[in-house]
Amino acid sequence: MFIQGGGSEEDYAADAKLFASFQEVLGEAYVVHYPRLLDEPAPDFGRKKKIGNEISSIKGEVILVGHSLGASMLLKYLSENKIKKRIRGVFLISTPFWSGDEDWQQGPKLQEGFADRLPKGVPIFLYHCTMTKSYHSTSPMKLRLPIPTKNCPYGLKTSTEEN
């Protein structure tokens, strides 16, 4: 399942290109589910409930991929909810780690010690561009994520690449 970045129709359309590339690369062996998760007037934009509903609707094991806001909300959901399905892997692309004090940032902000509450035994892959700077994000390393990262080509960091 691929979870889009922002919550507008435009964001959904923009991430459709990324979704299509996943489906093309994976081929017919995998079905990539791309639900439309538009923002709602709730502190977490209604994302946690929608993510839970979408995961529950998938038959069998799941692979979860989130981009930008979708990745941070996926982390939030996984660290705050018990998952009954077997998760084969979590792939997070350009994940903002919200750290501001403004009201709108409280919904997506991760709880203290969230990494300890992530599902055990599930590989998590973090892809983060080193050239991106954002006023609202904190380094994943400062959050003590149990994810080793190494540099890979094009300024990305991943937990699977070797130098």
Protein backbone atom coordinates (compact mmCIF):
# COMPACT_ATOMS: atom_id res chain seq x y z
CA MET A 1 0.00 0.00 0.00
CA PHE A 2 1.31 3.44 -0.97
CA ILE A 3 0.30 6.45 1.16
CA GLN A 4 0.47 9.84 -0.54
CA GLY A 5 2.23 12.93 0.76
CA GLY A 6 -0.09 15.91 1.10
CA GLY A 7 -3.84 15.75 1.49
CA SER A 8 -5.20 17.57 -1.55
CA GLU A 9 -6.36 16.26 -4.92
CA GLU A 10 -3.27 17.91 -6.43
CA ASP A 11 -1.00 16.05 -3.98
CA TYR A 12 -2.73 12.77 -4.82
CA ALA A 13 -2.23 13.40 -8.55
CA ALA A 14 1.43 14.36 -8.06
CA ASP A 15 2.19 11.19 -6.07
CA ALA A 16 0.35 9.09 -8.67
CA LYS A 17 3.56 9.22 -10.74
CA LEU A 18 5.51 7.64 -7.87
CA PHE A 19 2.75 5.06 -7.38
CA ALA A 20 2.79 4.19 -11.09
CA SER A 21 6.56 3.70 -11.01
CA PHE A 22 6.21 1.24 -8.09
CA GLN A 23 3.57 -0.74 -9.93
CA GLU A 24 5.68 -0.80 -13.10
CA VAL A 25 8.84 -1.96 -11.32
CA LEU A 26 7.05 -4.56 -9.19
CA GLY A 27 5.06 -5.92 -12.10
CA GLU A 28 2.13 -8.27 -11.84
CA ALA A 29 3.58 -10.13 -8.83
CA TYR A 30 2.30 -7.34 -6.56
CA VAL A 31 -0.84 -5.26 -6.43
CA VAL A 32 -0.07 -1.75 -5.22
CA HIS A 33 -3.02 -0.24 -3.38
CA TYR A 34 -3.13 3.58 -3.64
CA PRO A 35 -6.01 4.92 -1.55
CA ARG A 36 -7.08 8.55 -1.83
CA LEU A 37 -6.42 10.03 1.64
CA LEU A 38 -7.67 13.61 1.50
CA ASP A 39 -7.28 15.87 4.52
CA GLU A 40 -10.13 16.19 6.99
CA PRO A 41 -10.61 18.90 9.63
CA ALA A 42 -8.96 16.88 12.43
CA PRO A 43 -5.62 17.35 14.25
CA ASP A 44 -4.15 14.36 12.37
CA PHE A 45 -6.03 15.27 9.15
CA GLY A 46 -8.06 12.08 9.60
CA ARG A 47 -5.07 10.07 8.43
CA LYS A 48 -4.64 7.60 11.31
CA LYS A 49 -8.19 6.27 11.02
CA LYS A 50 -7.99 6.09 7.22
CA ILE A 51 -4.61 4.32 7.30
CA GLY A 52 -6.01 1.75 9.76
CA ASN A 53 -9.08 1.17 7.61
CA GLU A 54 -7.00 0.74 4.47
CA ILE A 55 -4.56 -1.69 6.09
CA SER A 56 -7.49 -3.72 7.44
CA SER A 57 -9.08 -3.93 3.99
CA ILE A 58 -6.04 -5.62 2.43
CA LYS A 59 -6.12 -9.41 2.31
CA GLY A 60 -2.95 -11.15 3.45
CA GLU A 61 0.43 -9.65 4.26
CA VAL A 62 1.20 -6.00 3.57
CA ILE A 63 4.12 -3.88 2.48
CA LEU A 64 3.67 -0.25 3.49
CA VAL A 65 5.16 2.71 1.64
CA GLY A 66 4.66 6.33 2.67
CA HIS A 67 5.83 9.55 1.08
CA SER A 68 6.33 12.84 2.96
CA LEU A 69 3.30 13.53 5.18
CA GLY A 70 2.04 10.03 4.34
CA ALA A 71 5.29 8.56 5.69
CA SER A 72 5.16 10.52 8.94
CA MET A 73 1.50 9.63 9.48
CA LEU A 74 2.28 5.98 8.75
CA LEU A 75 4.97 6.05 11.46
CA LYS A 76 2.51 7.70 13.83
CA TYR A 77 -0.15 5.07 13.09
CA LEU A 78 2.27 2.15 13.49
CA SER A 79 3.65 3.47 16.79
CA GLU A 80 0.23 4.17 18.32
CA ASN A 81 -1.83 1.17 17.17
CA LYS A 82 -1.67 -2.60 17.39
CA ILE A 83 -1.45 -4.10 13.91
CA LYS A 84 -3.02 -7.52 13.37
CA LYS A 85 -1.74 -8.09 9.84
CA ARG A 86 1.74 -9.33 9.06
CA ILE A 87 3.78 -6.40 7.76
CA ARG A 88 6.60 -7.48 5.44
CA GLY A 89 8.30 -4.09 5.39
CA VAL A 90 7.85 -0.35 5.81
CA PHE A 91 9.40 2.04 3.30
CA LEU A 92 9.48 5.74 4.22
CA ILE A 93 10.35 8.33 1.57
CA SER A 94 11.28 11.94 2.50
CA THR A 95 9.69 11.65 5.91
CA PRO A 96 9.25 14.90 7.84
CA PHE A 97 9.61 14.48 11.61
CA TRP A 98 7.44 17.26 12.99
CA SER A 99 8.92 19.19 15.91
CA GLY A 100 7.17 22.58 15.97
CA ASP A 101 4.91 23.96 18.65
CA GLU A 102 2.23 25.36 16.36
CA ASP A 103 -1.23 23.84 16.76
CA TRP A 104 -1.36 22.37 13.24
CA GLN A 105 1.88 20.41 13.88
CA GLN A 106 0.58 18.60 16.96
CA GLY A 107 -1.50 16.09 14.99
CA PRO A 108 1.35 14.63 12.93
CA LYS A 109 3.96 14.95 15.70
CA LEU A 110 5.30 11.62 16.95
CA GLN A 111 5.07 10.78 20.63
CA GLU A 112 8.20 10.67 22.77
CA GLY A 113 9.75 7.20 22.51
CA PHE A 114 7.66 6.28 19.45
CA ALA A 115 10.46 4.12 17.99
CA ASP A 116 10.15 1.69 20.91
CA ARG A 117 6.48 1.16 20.05
CA LEU A 118 6.93 0.34 16.36
CA PRO A 119 6.04 -3.26 15.39
CA LYS A 120 8.87 -5.62 16.34
CA GLY A 121 10.60 -7.65 13.67
CA VAL A 122 9.40 -5.45 10.80
CA PRO A 123 12.17 -4.07 8.59
CA ILE A 124 11.93 -0.29 8.15
CA PHE A 125 13.69 1.39 5.25
CA LEU A 126 14.25 5.13 5.41
CA TYR A 127 14.96 7.09 2.23
CA HIS A 128 15.80 10.71 2.92
CA CYS A 129 17.43 13.23 0.63
CA THR A 130 20.38 14.96 2.28
CA MET A 131 19.79 18.06 0.16
CA THR A 132 16.30 18.70 1.54
CA LYS A 133 16.00 21.16 4.38
CA SER A 134 12.71 21.75 6.06
CA TYR A 135 11.74 24.01 8.94
CA HIS A 136 9.33 21.43 10.32
CA SER A 137 11.47 18.32 10.37
CA THR A 138 13.97 16.82 12.74
CA SER A 139 16.71 14.40 11.80
CA PRO A 140 15.67 10.75 12.13
CA MET A 141 18.92 10.15 13.99
CA LYS A 142 17.93 12.65 16.69
CA LEU A 143 14.73 10.67 17.15
CA ARG A 144 16.74 7.53 17.95
CA LEU A 145 15.16 5.44 15.23
CA PRO A 146 16.62 1.92 15.36
CA ILE A 147 17.49 2.14 11.66
CA PRO A 148 21.09 2.02 10.43
CA THR A 149 21.60 4.32 7.46
CA LYS A 150 24.42 4.57 4.95
CA ASN A 151 24.97 6.99 2.10
CA CYS A 152 23.86 5.88 -1.34
CA PRO A 153 23.94 7.58 -4.75
CA TYR A 154 22.03 10.77 -5.48
CA GLY A 155 22.12 12.08 -1.92
CA LEU A 156 19.70 9.49 -0.55
CA LYS A 157 20.18 7.52 2.64
CA THR A 158 18.91 4.00 2.97
CA SER A 159 19.16 1.22 5.48
CA THR A 160 20.07 -1.33 2.81
CA GLU A 161 22.83 0.27 0.74
CA GLU A 162 26.48 -0.46 1.41
CA ASN A 163 29.20 2.15 0.90
